[in-house]
Amino acid sequence: MLTVDLPQGALQYRSAGPDRSDAPPVVFVHAFLTDGSIWSAVADRLADQGVRSYAPDWPLGAHRTPLRADADQSPRGVAGQILAFLEALDLRDVTLVGNDTGGALIQFLLTVDASRIGRVVLTNCDAFDTFPPFPFNVIFQLLKGERLMKVNLLPMRWQAFRHSPLGFGLLANRLDAAQTRSWIEPSLTNAGVRRDAVRFLKAVDPKELLDVSARLKDFDGPVKVVWGGADRAFKPALGRRLQGAFRHATFVEVPGARTFVHLDAPDALVEQIVDWSRVA
């Protein structure tokens, strides 16, 4: 794990692939209560094809180092942290890849400052006023308090609960028990991490994302919407609607995959990323 100091605090990240590459760099943005490790299968496959990628642990409840107390943890603020990361590493012409909550954060970023973004790949994610979808809009209400979050995450210590529909069970066909446990551990054990996560949840406002959606056509770069067709939370109709919000977007459905396409079908996602990452 590497660390970069941002104005908002220290951010840990993983990198894979050659130090020098002709392909544009890829930066991943993950879901709430997961971390950058969720992209490992995709990052390794991209590395095999000579693509450099970066998978930060964004401050969404599974990060290990709390942010500064005054860091802006609204969705727009976290989008600003993504921009700060790109600036700190001087990454340009970036292929930005987002999933779930991370897809919403990318949409916010595109309306803040897209100057370092060359192209975007969005997998199953929040869009319009679906932020988050059922049943996670109900579940997240149970986490909107630091003590409340700790108490309500306690059952997630058991794999059976973690991998049930009340945990991560709706999001992927297969889950690794050690990995999902590592995602919830920071919020269970670190008060500063819980503070960051709760502040984010309290700032989530579907009306703000709906407003952002109306301005996505201002992004002139190519966009690919890669959608798991078996998702019961983010259904394909939402992905097709999101495609229509952009000026230059295509839609690719991945049969059998759920929300975490990068876990269920990493080869299919890599194919789409490499295709777009080589667009001049």
Protein backbone atom coordinates (compact mmCIF):
# COMPACT_ATOMS: atom_id res chain seq x y z
CA MET A 1 0.00 0.00 0.00
CA LEU A 2 1.19 3.48 -0.87
CA THR A 3 0.16 6.74 0.81
CA VAL A 4 -0.31 10.22 -0.59
CA ASP A 5 -1.00 13.32 1.52
CA LEU A 6 -3.96 15.32 0.28
CA PRO A 7 -5.33 18.58 1.72
CA GLN A 8 -8.14 16.48 3.26
CA GLY A 9 -5.77 13.92 4.87
CA ALA A 10 -3.66 10.88 4.08
CA LEU A 11 -5.01 8.54 1.40
CA GLN A 12 -3.81 4.97 0.91
CA TYR A 13 -3.85 3.40 -2.53
CA ARG A 14 -2.74 0.39 -4.54
CA SER A 15 -1.06 0.62 -7.91
CA ALA A 16 -0.51 -2.03 -10.56
CA GLY A 17 1.06 -2.18 -13.99
CA PRO A 18 4.22 -0.73 -15.52
CA ASP A 19 5.62 2.58 -14.28
CA ARG A 20 5.75 3.75 -17.89
CA SER A 21 2.89 2.98 -20.23
CA ASP A 22 1.58 4.37 -23.50
CA ALA A 23 -1.96 3.65 -22.31
CA PRO A 24 -3.76 6.32 -20.26
CA PRO A 25 -3.75 5.67 -16.50
CA VAL A 26 -6.82 4.07 -14.95
CA VAL A 27 -8.20 5.24 -11.60
CA PHE A 28 -10.89 3.26 -9.78
CA VAL A 29 -13.64 4.59 -7.48
CA HIS A 30 -15.34 1.98 -5.29
CA ALA A 31 -18.62 1.63 -3.38
CA PHE A 32 -19.50 2.66 0.15
CA LEU A 33 -18.13 0.25 2.79
CA THR A 34 -15.64 -1.36 0.39
CA ASP A 35 -12.04 -0.45 -0.44
CA GLY A 36 -9.64 -0.44 -3.37
CA SER A 37 -8.94 -4.16 -3.03
CA ILE A 38 -12.26 -4.84 -4.73
CA TRP A 39 -10.61 -3.89 -8.04
CA SER A 40 -7.62 -6.25 -7.69
CA ALA A 41 -8.71 -8.82 -10.29
CA VAL A 42 -9.30 -6.07 -12.85
CA ALA A 43 -6.08 -4.24 -11.96
CA ASP A 44 -4.00 -7.41 -12.34
CA ARG A 45 -5.49 -8.15 -15.75
CA LEU A 46 -4.91 -4.57 -16.89
CA ALA A 47 -1.31 -4.82 -15.70
CA ASP A 48 -0.86 -7.91 -17.89
CA GLN A 49 -1.89 -5.73 -20.84
CA GLY A 50 0.53 -2.95 -19.95
CA VAL A 51 -1.98 -0.58 -18.34
CA ARG A 52 -1.10 1.28 -15.13
CA SER A 53 -3.93 1.59 -12.62
CA TYR A 54 -4.58 3.13 -9.21
CA ALA A 55 -7.07 1.87 -6.63
CA PRO A 56 -7.33 4.24 -3.64
CA ASP A 57 -9.19 3.47 -0.43
CA TRP A 58 -11.65 6.36 -0.65
CA PRO A 59 -13.03 7.56 2.73
CA LEU A 60 -16.27 5.58 2.54
CA GLY A 61 -16.09 3.53 5.72
CA ALA A 62 -13.53 0.85 4.81
CA HIS A 63 -10.49 3.15 4.81
CA ARG A 64 -7.89 2.69 7.55
CA THR A 65 -6.76 6.27 8.15
CA PRO A 66 -9.36 8.90 9.14
CA LEU A 67 -9.40 12.21 7.31
CA ARG A 68 -8.84 15.56 8.93
CA ALA A 69 -11.83 16.58 11.01
CA ASP A 70 -12.61 19.52 8.71
CA ALA A 71 -12.53 17.51 5.46
CA ASP A 72 -15.62 17.94 3.29
CA GLN A 73 -17.30 14.52 3.33
CA SER A 74 -20.27 15.43 1.14
CA PRO A 75 -20.40 13.59 -2.21
CA ARG A 76 -19.16 16.77 -3.90
CA GLY A 77 -16.39 16.99 -1.30
CA VAL A 78 -15.26 13.40 -1.89
CA ALA A 79 -15.31 14.15 -5.62
CA GLY A 80 -12.92 16.97 -4.76
CA GLN A 81 -10.69 14.41 -3.04
CA ILE A 82 -10.60 12.34 -6.24
CA LEU A 83 -9.50 15.46 -8.09
CA ALA A 84 -6.88 16.16 -5.42
CA PHE A 85 -5.54 12.62 -5.85
CA LEU A 86 -5.19 13.09 -9.62
CA GLU A 87 -3.43 16.40 -9.04
CA ALA A 88 -1.09 14.98 -6.37
CA LEU A 89 0.08 12.21 -8.70
CA ASP A 90 -0.14 14.48 -11.75
CA LEU A 91 -2.34 12.01 -13.60
CA ARG A 92 -3.76 13.27 -16.88
CA ASP A 93 -5.99 11.90 -19.64
CA VAL A 94 -7.30 9.49 -17.00
CA THR A 95 -9.67 6.61 -17.61
CA LEU A 96 -11.95 6.92 -14.58
CA VAL A 97 -13.79 3.71 -13.61
CA GLY A 98 -16.57 3.78 -11.02
CA ASN A 99 -19.04 1.40 -9.42
CA ASP A 100 -22.03 1.79 -7.09
CA THR A 101 -21.40 4.85 -4.86
CA GLY A 102 -18.20 5.45 -6.81
CA GLY A 103 -20.16 5.95 -10.01
CA ALA A 104 -22.13 8.74 -8.36
CA LEU A 105 -18.91 10.36 -7.12
CA ILE A 106 -17.54 10.33 -10.66
CA GLN A 107 -20.69 12.08 -11.89
CA PHE A 108 -20.16 14.79 -9.27
CA LEU A 109 -16.51 15.12 -10.32
CA LEU A 110 -17.41 15.55 -13.98
CA THR A 111 -19.46 18.63 -13.06
CA VAL A 112 -16.72 20.01 -10.77
CA ASP A 113 -13.58 19.72 -12.90
CA ALA A 114 -13.14 17.16 -15.68
CA SER A 115 -9.91 18.62 -17.06
CA ARG A 116 -7.84 15.55 -16.12
CA ILE A 117 -10.44 13.02 -17.28
CA GLY A 118 -10.07 11.55 -20.74
CA ARG A 119 -12.82 8.95 -20.62
CA VAL A 120 -15.17 7.26 -18.17
CA VAL A 121 -16.36 3.71 -17.56
CA LEU A 122 -19.38 3.45 -15.27
CA THR A 123 -20.53 0.08 -14.00
CA ASN A 124 -23.75 -0.47 -12.03
CA CYS A 125 -24.09 2.67 -9.95
CA ASP A 126 -26.28 5.36 -8.43
CA ALA A 127 -27.79 7.77 -10.93
CA PHE A 128 -30.46 10.47 -11.03
CA ASP A 129 -32.46 10.26 -7.78
CA THR A 130 -31.52 6.62 -7.18
CA PHE A 131 -28.96 7.41 -4.49
CA PRO A 132 -28.94 4.76 -3.06
CA PRO A 133 -31.46 2.21 -4.39
CA PHE A 134 -33.75 0.01 -2.33
CA PRO A 135 -33.00 -1.77 -0.01
CA PHE A 136 -29.79 0.16 0.68
CA ASN A 137 -31.65 3.43 1.19
CA VAL A 138 -33.30 1.73 4.19
CA ILE A 139 -30.10 0.06 5.41
CA PHE A 140 -28.09 3.28 5.23
CA GLN A 141 -30.63 5.01 7.46
CA LEU A 142 -29.56 2.57 10.18
CA LEU A 143 -25.94 3.75 9.87
CA LYS A 144 -26.45 7.53 10.11
CA GLY A 145 -24.92 7.97 13.53
CA GLU A 146 -21.50 7.02 14.87
CA ARG A 147 -22.83 4.86 17.70
CA LEU A 148 -25.70 3.65 15.51
CA MET A 149 -23.25 2.54 12.83
CA LYS A 150 -21.09 0.61 15.26
CA VAL A 151 -24.06 -1.19 16.81
CA ASN A 152 -25.74 -2.02 13.51
CA LEU A 153 -22.52 -3.25 11.90
CA LEU A 154 -21.90 -5.76 14.70
CA PRO A 155 -23.93 -8.55 13.00
CA MET A 156 -21.69 -8.10 9.94
CA ARG A 157 -18.93 -9.83 11.87
CA TRP A 158 -20.61 -13.10 10.91
CA GLN A 159 -20.18 -14.23 7.33
CA ALA A 160 -23.73 -15.53 7.02
CA PHE A 161 -25.12 -12.07 7.77
CA ARG A 162 -22.45 -10.21 5.74
CA HIS A 163 -23.23 -12.27 2.68
CA SER A 164 -27.01 -12.07 3.11
CA PRO A 165 -29.26 -9.51 1.34
CA LEU A 166 -28.88 -7.31 4.42
CA GLY A 167 -25.12 -7.16 3.81
CA PHE A 168 -23.27 -7.60 0.52
CA GLY A 169 -25.29 -10.59 -0.69
CA LEU A 170 -27.27 -8.75 -3.38
CA LEU A 171 -24.16 -7.26 -4.94
CA ALA A 172 -22.13 -10.18 -6.28
CA ASN A 173 -22.50 -13.82 -7.21
CA ARG A 174 -19.44 -14.76 -5.19
CA LEU A 175 -17.87 -13.00 -2.23
CA ASP A 176 -14.66 -13.67 -0.34
CA ALA A 177 -15.31 -13.87 3.40
CA ALA A 178 -11.90 -12.49 4.43
CA GLN A 179 -12.23 -9.56 2.06
CA THR A 180 -15.76 -8.60 3.13
CA ARG A 181 -14.68 -8.83 6.78
CA SER A 182 -11.78 -6.48 6.05
CA TRP A 183 -14.24 -3.96 4.58
CA ILE A 184 -16.32 -3.62 7.74
CA GLU A 185 -13.48 -3.85 10.27
CA PRO A 186 -12.34 -0.19 10.10
CA SER A 187 -15.80 1.19 10.88
CA LEU A 188 -16.20 -1.31 13.70
CA THR A 189 -12.89 -0.48 15.36
CA ASN A 190 -11.95 3.11 14.47
CA ALA A 191 -14.07 6.04 15.66
CA GLY A 192 -12.46 8.41 13.15
CA VAL A 193 -13.34 6.16 10.23
CA ARG A 194 -16.93 5.90 11.48
CA ARG A 195 -17.06 9.69 11.72
CA ASP A 196 -15.99 10.01 8.08
CA ALA A 197 -18.51 7.39 6.93
CA VAL A 198 -21.42 8.88 8.88
CA ARG A 199 -20.69 12.38 7.65
CA PHE A 200 -20.81 11.07 4.08
CA LEU A 201 -24.10 9.25 4.59
CA LYS A 202 -25.70 12.29 6.21
CA ALA A 203 -24.69 14.44 3.23
CA VAL A 204 -26.11 12.11 0.56
CA ASP A 205 -29.03 13.85 -1.13
CA PRO A 206 -30.77 12.25 -4.16
CA LYS A 207 -31.88 15.70 -5.33
CA GLU A 208 -28.25 16.79 -5.71
CA LEU A 209 -27.37 13.78 -7.88
CA LEU A 210 -30.49 14.38 -9.95
CA ASP A 211 -29.29 17.94 -10.55
CA VAL A 212 -25.84 16.64 -11.51
CA SER A 213 -27.40 14.23 -14.00
CA ALA A 214 -28.87 17.13 -15.95
CA ARG A 215 -25.35 18.49 -16.55
CA LEU A 216 -23.55 15.30 -17.62
CA LYS A 217 -23.93 16.24 -21.30
CA ASP A 218 -21.32 18.94 -20.67
CA PHE A 219 -18.66 16.20 -20.49
CA ASP A 220 -17.33 15.80 -24.02
CA GLY A 221 -15.26 12.65 -23.53
CA PRO A 222 -16.34 9.10 -24.38
CA VAL A 223 -18.30 7.15 -21.78
CA LYS A 224 -19.02 3.46 -21.59
CA VAL A 225 -21.79 2.20 -19.31
CA VAL A 226 -20.98 -1.43 -18.47
CA TRP A 227 -23.92 -2.95 -16.60
CA GLY A 228 -24.44 -6.27 -14.86
CA GLY A 229 -27.67 -7.64 -16.25
CA ALA A 230 -28.56 -9.69 -13.14
CA ASP A 231 -28.48 -6.74 -10.74
CA ARG A 232 -31.59 -6.54 -8.56
CA ALA A 233 -30.70 -3.15 -7.04
CA PHE A 234 -29.35 -1.17 -10.02
CA LYS A 235 -31.45 -2.57 -12.84
CA PRO A 236 -30.40 -2.35 -16.50
CA ALA A 237 -33.09 0.25 -17.24
CA LEU A 238 -31.24 2.66 -14.94
CA GLY A 239 -28.01 2.04 -16.83
CA ARG A 240 -29.65 2.74 -20.18
CA ARG A 241 -31.13 5.94 -18.79
CA LEU A 242 -27.66 6.93 -17.56
CA GLN A 243 -26.24 6.30 -21.02
CA GLY A 244 -28.71 8.81 -22.40
CA ALA A 245 -27.55 11.49 -19.96
CA PHE A 246 -24.16 11.74 -21.71
CA ARG A 247 -23.29 13.18 -25.08
CA HIS A 248 -21.05 10.31 -26.21
CA ALA A 249 -21.96 7.10 -24.38
CA THR A 250 -22.47 3.45 -25.24
CA PHE A 251 -24.16 0.74 -23.19
CA VAL A 252 -22.78 -2.76 -22.70
CA GLU A 253 -24.74 -5.32 -20.71
CA VAL A 254 -22.85 -8.13 -18.94
CA PRO A 255 -25.23 -11.10 -18.60
CA GLY A 256 -25.26 -12.83 -15.24
CA ALA A 257 -23.26 -10.17 -13.41
CA ARG A 258 -24.63 -8.26 -10.45
CA THR A 259 -23.66 -4.84 -9.04
CA PHE A 260 -19.99 -5.72 -8.53
CA VAL A 261 -19.25 -6.47 -12.18
CA HIS A 262 -15.54 -6.29 -11.36
CA LEU A 263 -15.95 -9.33 -9.08
CA ASP A 264 -18.44 -11.29 -11.19
CA ALA A 265 -16.97 -10.65 -14.65
CA PRO A 266 -13.49 -9.06 -14.45
CA ASP A 267 -12.47 -10.19 -17.94
CA ALA A 268 -15.52 -8.58 -19.52
CA LEU A 269 -14.85 -5.31 -17.70
CA VAL A 270 -11.17 -5.32 -18.58
CA GLU A 271 -12.06 -5.74 -22.25
CA GLN A 272 -14.20 -2.63 -22.12
CA ILE A 273 -11.66 -0.58 -20.14
CA VAL A 274 -8.80 -1.44 -22.47
CA ASP A 275 -10.98 -0.66 -25.48
CA TRP A 276 -11.78 2.82 -24.16
CA SER A 277 -8.36 3.46 -22.60
CA ARG A 278 -6.79 3.29 -26.04
CA VAL A 279 -9.12 5.92 -27.51
CA ALA A 280 -6.92 8.78 -28.67
